[in-house]
Amino acid sequence: MNLVILAAGRGRRLRSKTSTLPKPLVKYLGKSILDYQISVIKKINLIKPILVLGYKHSLFKKYNFPKIINTKFKSTNMVYSLFRAKKFMNNNLVISYSDIIYSKSLLRKLINKRGDIVVAIDKNFKDYWIKRFKNPLNDVESCLIKNNRILEIGGKVNSFKNIKGQYIGLIKLSKEGIKIFKKVYSSLHKSDQKKLEKMYMTDFLQVLINKGYKLTPLNFKSPWIEFDNQNDLKNNEHKKRLTKILNSKV
C-alpha cells in the first residue's frame, strides 16, 4: 500500500517559520511535523511513503522515499499535487496532508475500514477547535453524514448545527476508489483545467458526492494534531495530544 504525503506548499499561515523551511519540516518539540508522520508510517510495514514536494524541495534530501516535484506549486493546490503522483496510484492508497500528526492506531483503523473512498472524520472536533481558535466557526467546514455516507463536506458554515465532524486530511482509496478518482479527475481536466488546478481536496470530494459516488466516513474520537498557524505551535493542548499519540500502542 502506498501513502502519498502532500507536501508541496509553503504554509504561509505559519509566517516566518516557513520563510526558510517548508511547512512539514517546521519543528515541534524538537522534531519536524513530517518526522512524526514518518515514525508512525514506519510502524506499519505494509505502507510505502511517497512525497509530493514543491516549495524548497531540495531540503527533503534526507528522506529516502520516492519524490515527485510539483513545479507549479505556487499556482496549484492539493488535488493537482496528488495527481503528480499518478503512477503510484494503484491497488490501495492512503492520502495524507503533511501538516498533521496522527497515531498508528488511527492509521490502522483507516486502512482496515471497508469502503472504496474512506475519509477520516473527527467526531470530537468541537472541543479541539474551541481550544485552538478564538472564533471556531471561522475555521469549521460543513460535514453532513447520514446512513454511513458523507453527503456534504468542506463548505462554509455559520453554526455547529448538522456538523457531524471534521475532515482531518486523511483518505484511503481501494483499487476501485483509485479508478473513481482518476475517472473524475480526467473528466474535470477536460472541462475546466484551470479550476481543477486550484481545487482543494474537499472540493474534489464534494464533486464525487455530487456525482453519486459513496464516501464512507471513518468516525473516530482519538487525538490528532493539525498545524495550521503559529498559535498551533504554542498551544498546550497539542503537547497533551502528542503524548497520547506517541503512547498509543494499538
Protein backbone atom coordinates (compact mmCIF):
# COMPACT_ATOMS: atom_id res chain seq x y z
CA MET A 1 0.00 0.00 0.00
CA ASN A 2 1.31 3.42 -0.96
CA LEU A 3 0.83 6.51 1.20
CA VAL A 4 1.11 9.80 -0.67
CA ILE A 5 2.07 12.75 1.53
CA LEU A 6 1.06 16.09 0.01
CA ALA A 7 3.91 18.41 0.97
CA ALA A 8 4.25 20.83 -1.95
CA GLY A 9 3.01 24.04 -0.33
CA ARG A 10 4.80 26.57 1.81
CA GLY A 11 2.25 27.06 4.61
CA ARG A 12 2.17 30.85 4.75
CA ARG A 13 -0.04 30.96 7.84
CA LEU A 14 2.99 29.83 9.84
CA ARG A 15 4.57 33.11 8.69
CA SER A 16 8.29 33.44 9.46
CA LYS A 17 8.58 29.73 10.28
CA THR A 18 8.20 28.88 6.60
CA SER A 19 10.37 31.66 5.15
CA THR A 20 13.30 29.22 5.14
CA LEU A 21 11.57 25.84 5.60
CA PRO A 22 8.61 24.06 4.01
CA LYS A 23 5.77 23.62 6.49
CA PRO A 24 6.28 19.84 7.01
CA LEU A 25 9.88 20.48 8.11
CA VAL A 26 8.94 23.01 10.79
CA LYS A 27 9.87 21.58 14.16
CA TYR A 28 7.54 20.96 17.07
CA LEU A 29 9.11 19.98 20.40
CA GLY A 30 12.41 19.24 18.69
CA LYS A 31 11.12 17.14 15.80
CA SER A 32 9.69 18.08 12.41
CA ILE A 33 5.99 17.54 11.66
CA LEU A 34 6.96 15.20 8.82
CA ASP A 35 9.26 13.14 11.04
CA TYR A 36 6.36 12.48 13.42
CA GLN A 37 4.34 11.21 10.45
CA ILE A 38 7.16 9.07 9.10
CA SER A 39 7.72 7.47 12.52
CA VAL A 40 4.07 6.34 12.54
CA ILE A 41 4.16 5.11 8.95
CA LYS A 42 7.28 3.02 9.61
CA LYS A 43 5.41 1.14 12.35
CA ILE A 44 3.08 -0.28 9.71
CA ASN A 45 5.40 -2.23 7.43
CA LEU A 46 2.94 -2.64 4.57
CA ILE A 47 2.98 1.09 3.79
CA LYS A 48 5.37 2.78 1.38
CA PRO A 49 5.52 6.61 1.64
CA ILE A 50 5.74 8.86 -1.41
CA LEU A 51 6.40 12.59 -1.07
CA VAL A 52 4.85 15.19 -3.37
CA LEU A 53 7.06 18.26 -2.98
CA GLY A 54 7.32 21.79 -4.32
CA TYR A 55 8.46 24.68 -2.13
CA LYS A 56 12.17 24.28 -1.24
CA HIS A 57 12.03 20.62 -2.23
CA SER A 58 15.82 20.24 -2.02
CA LEU A 59 15.54 20.36 1.79
CA PHE A 60 13.89 16.92 1.80
CA LYS A 61 17.07 15.13 0.68
CA LYS A 62 17.41 13.03 3.84
CA TYR A 63 14.15 11.20 3.13
CA ASN A 64 14.93 8.07 1.14
CA PHE A 65 11.49 7.74 -0.43
CA PRO A 66 10.17 8.32 -3.95
CA LYS A 67 9.74 12.06 -4.50
CA ILE A 68 7.53 13.81 -7.04
CA ILE A 69 8.02 17.54 -7.66
CA ASN A 70 5.04 19.78 -8.36
CA THR A 71 6.80 22.52 -10.29
CA LYS A 72 3.59 24.57 -10.33
CA PHE A 73 3.19 24.53 -6.53
CA LYS A 74 2.80 28.33 -6.35
CA SER A 75 -0.30 28.34 -8.50
CA THR A 76 -1.88 24.94 -7.77
CA ASN A 77 -3.44 23.12 -4.84
CA MET A 78 -3.88 19.70 -3.21
CA VAL A 79 -5.71 17.83 -5.97
CA TYR A 80 -3.20 18.85 -8.63
CA SER A 81 -0.34 17.80 -6.33
CA LEU A 82 -1.92 14.40 -5.72
CA PHE A 83 -2.15 13.62 -9.41
CA ARG A 84 1.51 14.43 -9.96
CA ALA A 85 1.96 11.07 -8.20
CA LYS A 86 -0.48 9.31 -10.52
CA LYS A 87 1.96 6.48 -11.31
CA PHE A 88 1.88 5.47 -7.62
CA MET A 89 -1.92 5.41 -7.53
CA ASN A 90 -2.68 1.71 -7.86
CA ASN A 91 -4.14 -1.10 -5.73
CA ASN A 92 -4.73 0.57 -2.34
CA LEU A 93 -3.69 4.10 -1.41
CA VAL A 94 -3.66 6.41 1.60
CA ILE A 95 -3.57 10.18 1.01
CA SER A 96 -2.23 12.32 3.85
CA TYR A 97 -1.77 16.03 4.36
CA SER A 98 1.75 16.87 5.57
CA ASP A 99 0.79 19.22 8.42
CA ILE A 100 -0.94 16.68 10.66
CA ILE A 101 0.20 14.18 13.28
CA TYR A 102 -1.85 11.06 13.97
CA SER A 103 -1.40 7.75 15.74
CA LYS A 104 -0.60 4.28 14.44
CA SER A 105 -3.99 3.24 15.79
CA LEU A 106 -5.85 5.78 13.65
CA LEU A 107 -3.86 4.92 10.54
CA ARG A 108 -4.51 1.20 11.02
CA LYS A 109 -8.25 1.82 11.51
CA LEU A 110 -8.32 3.80 8.27
CA ILE A 111 -6.56 1.02 6.37
CA ASN A 112 -8.92 -1.63 7.76
CA LYS A 113 -12.14 0.33 7.20
CA ARG A 114 -14.28 -1.08 4.40
CA GLY A 115 -15.14 1.25 1.55
CA ASP A 116 -13.74 2.41 -1.77
CA ILE A 117 -13.32 6.01 -0.60
CA VAL A 118 -12.87 6.30 3.17
CA VAL A 119 -12.48 9.73 4.77
CA ALA A 120 -11.20 10.22 8.35
CA ILE A 121 -13.68 12.32 10.34
CA ASP A 122 -13.00 13.62 13.88
CA LYS A 123 -16.21 13.33 15.90
CA ASN A 124 -14.70 15.26 18.84
CA PHE A 125 -13.69 18.23 16.69
CA LYS A 126 -15.68 20.88 18.58
CA ASP A 127 -13.68 20.56 21.80
CA TYR A 128 -10.44 20.68 19.78
CA TRP A 129 -11.49 23.69 17.69
CA ILE A 130 -12.55 25.67 20.79
CA LYS A 131 -9.09 25.12 22.28
CA ARG A 132 -7.40 26.28 19.05
CA PHE A 133 -9.43 29.21 17.72
CA LYS A 134 -10.96 32.34 19.24
CA ASN A 135 -13.74 32.09 16.66
CA PRO A 136 -14.01 28.36 15.86
CA LEU A 137 -16.76 28.83 13.27
CA ASN A 138 -14.38 30.80 11.08
CA ASP A 139 -12.40 27.60 10.51
CA VAL A 140 -15.04 24.87 10.76
CA GLU A 141 -16.28 23.33 7.50
CA SER A 142 -19.51 21.53 6.71
CA CYS A 143 -19.69 17.79 7.25
CA LEU A 144 -23.07 16.13 6.83
CA ILE A 145 -23.26 12.36 7.33
CA LYS A 146 -26.28 10.10 7.01
CA ASN A 147 -26.54 6.30 6.91
CA ASN A 148 -22.77 5.84 6.95
CA ARG A 149 -22.38 8.12 3.94
CA ILE A 150 -20.89 11.61 3.66
CA LEU A 151 -23.40 13.90 1.94
CA GLU A 152 -21.59 17.22 2.24
CA ILE A 153 -18.02 18.26 3.06
CA GLY A 154 -15.81 21.33 3.07
CA GLY A 155 -18.41 24.11 2.76
CA LYS A 156 -18.72 27.34 4.74
CA VAL A 157 -20.94 27.26 7.84
CA ASN A 158 -22.42 29.78 10.27
CA SER A 159 -23.34 27.39 13.10
CA PHE A 160 -22.38 24.00 14.51
CA LYS A 161 -25.79 22.59 13.62
CA ASN A 162 -25.67 19.44 11.47
CA ILE A 163 -21.86 19.34 11.55
CA LYS A 164 -21.13 15.69 12.30
CA GLY A 165 -17.35 16.01 12.46
CA GLN A 166 -14.34 17.45 10.67
CA TYR A 167 -12.24 16.03 7.86
CA ILE A 168 -8.62 15.91 9.04
CA GLY A 169 -6.67 15.35 5.82
CA LEU A 170 -6.56 11.54 5.66
CA ILE A 171 -8.20 9.43 2.95
CA LYS A 172 -7.98 5.77 1.96
CA LEU A 173 -8.76 4.54 -1.54
CA SER A 174 -9.32 0.96 -2.63
CA LYS A 175 -8.38 -0.13 -6.15
CA GLU A 176 -11.91 0.83 -7.24
CA GLY A 177 -11.65 4.12 -5.35
CA ILE A 178 -8.49 4.98 -7.29
CA LYS A 179 -10.31 4.26 -10.56
CA ILE A 180 -13.08 6.65 -9.48
CA PHE A 181 -10.59 9.37 -8.54
CA LYS A 182 -8.78 9.03 -11.88
CA LYS A 183 -12.01 8.96 -13.90
CA VAL A 184 -13.45 12.09 -12.28
CA TYR A 185 -10.12 13.93 -12.38
CA SER A 186 -9.81 13.17 -16.10
CA SER A 187 -13.31 14.45 -16.82
CA LEU A 188 -12.69 17.67 -14.87
CA HIS A 189 -9.32 18.12 -16.57
CA LYS A 190 -11.05 18.14 -19.96
CA SER A 191 -13.83 20.52 -18.91
CA ASP A 192 -12.01 23.10 -16.75
CA GLN A 193 -8.28 22.58 -16.26
CA LYS A 194 -7.65 25.97 -14.61
CA LYS A 195 -10.36 25.41 -12.00
CA LEU A 196 -9.02 21.93 -11.31
CA GLU A 197 -5.51 23.23 -10.65
CA LYS A 198 -6.86 25.48 -7.86
CA MET A 199 -9.12 22.81 -6.35
CA TYR A 200 -8.89 21.88 -2.67
CA MET A 201 -9.27 18.23 -1.71
CA THR A 202 -12.64 18.88 -0.08
CA ASP A 203 -13.85 20.50 -3.32
CA PHE A 204 -12.91 17.33 -5.19
CA LEU A 205 -14.60 15.14 -2.59
CA GLN A 206 -17.79 17.18 -2.93
CA VAL A 207 -17.68 16.73 -6.71
CA LEU A 208 -17.52 12.96 -6.14
CA ILE A 209 -20.52 13.18 -3.80
CA ASN A 210 -22.48 15.24 -6.33
CA LYS A 211 -21.75 12.63 -9.00
CA GLY A 212 -23.27 9.93 -6.78
CA TYR A 213 -20.16 8.18 -5.51
CA LYS A 214 -20.17 6.92 -1.92
CA LEU A 215 -17.75 8.46 0.55
CA THR A 216 -17.57 6.37 3.72
CA PRO A 217 -16.65 8.16 6.97
CA LEU A 218 -14.13 6.71 9.39
CA ASN A 219 -15.60 8.24 12.53
CA PHE A 220 -13.05 8.48 15.32
CA LYS A 221 -12.52 10.29 18.64
CA SER A 222 -8.82 9.72 19.31
CA PRO A 223 -6.30 12.62 19.43
CA TRP A 224 -4.63 14.04 16.34
CA ILE A 225 -2.89 17.37 15.70
CA GLU A 226 -3.05 19.93 12.90
CA PHE A 227 -0.54 22.77 12.44
CA ASP A 228 -2.40 25.50 10.61
CA ASN A 229 -0.99 28.70 12.12
CA GLN A 230 1.60 29.97 14.60
CA ASN A 231 -0.73 29.53 17.58
CA ASP A 232 -0.84 25.79 16.87
CA LEU A 233 2.88 25.63 17.65
CA LYS A 234 2.29 27.20 21.07
CA ASN A 235 -0.96 25.51 22.06
CA ASN A 236 -0.66 23.47 25.29
CA GLU A 237 -3.42 21.19 24.05
CA HIS A 238 -1.04 19.91 21.40
CA LYS A 239 1.53 18.84 23.98
CA LYS A 240 -1.11 16.73 25.71
CA ARG A 241 -2.28 15.26 22.43
CA LEU A 242 1.22 14.45 21.26
CA THR A 243 1.90 12.49 24.46
CA LYS A 244 -1.24 10.41 23.87
CA ILE A 245 -0.39 9.85 20.22
CA LEU A 246 3.17 8.72 20.98
CA ASN A 247 1.93 6.40 23.74
CA SER A 248 -0.69 4.77 21.51
CA LYS A 249 0.16 1.04 21.40
CA VAL A 250 -2.51 -0.34 19.10
